[in-house]
Amino acid sequence: MTIAKQQVLDLIKDLPEEVDIDEVMYRLYLRQKLEAAEKDVREGRLISQEEVIKETSKWFTR
């Protein structure tokens, strides 16, 4: 997945004056994940809350 140069510049403008590289990397990572999630929603790749509950409930039964 790629990000437009302007999007990176906008992200940097929103940062505080003093920021460490880990924070910059985290925000870029978060932006990538959010864009991927939005794409999944647009393309209909979703599961219902009921499906999530059904699947995760298996984790707690033995």
Protein backbone atom coordinates (compact mmCIF):
# COMPACT_ATOMS: atom_id res chain seq x y z
CA MET A 1 0.00 0.00 0.00
CA THR A 2 1.30 3.45 -0.85
CA ILE A 3 0.63 6.84 0.64
CA ALA A 4 0.66 10.15 -1.21
CA LYS A 5 3.45 12.56 -0.39
CA GLN A 6 0.89 15.21 0.55
CA GLN A 7 -0.70 12.83 3.06
CA VAL A 8 2.69 12.34 4.72
CA LEU A 9 3.25 16.09 4.81
CA ASP A 10 -0.20 16.63 6.36
CA LEU A 11 0.54 13.98 8.97
CA ILE A 12 3.84 15.67 9.83
CA LYS A 13 2.18 19.08 10.12
CA ASP A 14 -0.17 17.66 12.76
CA LEU A 15 2.69 16.43 14.94
CA PRO A 16 3.98 18.39 17.91
CA GLU A 17 7.21 20.36 17.48
CA GLU A 18 9.15 17.76 19.46
CA VAL A 19 8.43 14.16 18.48
CA ASP A 20 10.46 10.98 18.39
CA ILE A 21 10.80 8.75 15.36
CA ASP A 22 8.79 5.96 17.00
CA GLU A 23 5.75 8.24 17.19
CA VAL A 24 6.10 9.18 13.51
CA MET A 25 6.42 5.52 12.51
CA TYR A 26 3.45 4.56 14.68
CA ARG A 27 1.24 7.21 13.12
CA LEU A 28 2.22 6.12 9.61
CA TYR A 29 1.52 2.50 10.56
CA LEU A 30 -1.85 3.45 12.05
CA ARG A 31 -2.79 5.42 8.95
CA GLN A 32 -1.90 2.42 6.76
CA LYS A 33 -4.06 0.09 8.87
CA LEU A 34 -7.02 2.50 8.86
CA GLU A 35 -6.85 2.92 5.09
CA ALA A 36 -6.73 -0.86 4.66
CA ALA A 37 -9.78 -1.22 6.91
CA GLU A 38 -11.68 1.43 4.96
CA LYS A 39 -10.86 -0.40 1.73
CA ASP A 40 -12.16 -3.66 3.21
CA VAL A 41 -15.42 -1.92 4.15
CA ARG A 42 -15.80 -0.41 0.67
CA GLU A 43 -15.24 -3.85 -0.89
CA GLY A 44 -17.68 -5.58 1.44
CA ARG A 45 -15.12 -7.66 3.33
CA LEU A 46 -16.86 -7.54 6.69
CA ILE A 47 -18.11 -9.94 9.32
CA SER A 48 -21.08 -9.33 11.57
CA GLN A 49 -20.90 -8.85 15.31
CA GLU A 50 -22.76 -12.13 15.71
CA GLU A 51 -20.07 -13.94 13.70
CA VAL A 52 -17.35 -12.39 15.85
CA ILE A 53 -19.11 -13.45 19.04
CA LYS A 54 -19.66 -16.97 17.72
CA GLU A 55 -16.03 -17.34 16.68
CA THR A 56 -14.46 -15.79 19.79
CA SER A 57 -16.72 -17.68 22.18
CA LYS A 58 -14.85 -20.83 21.11
CA TRP A 59 -11.73 -19.38 22.71
CA PHE A 60 -13.29 -19.55 26.16
CA THR A 61 -14.88 -23.00 26.05
CA ARG A 62 -12.92 -26.16 26.58
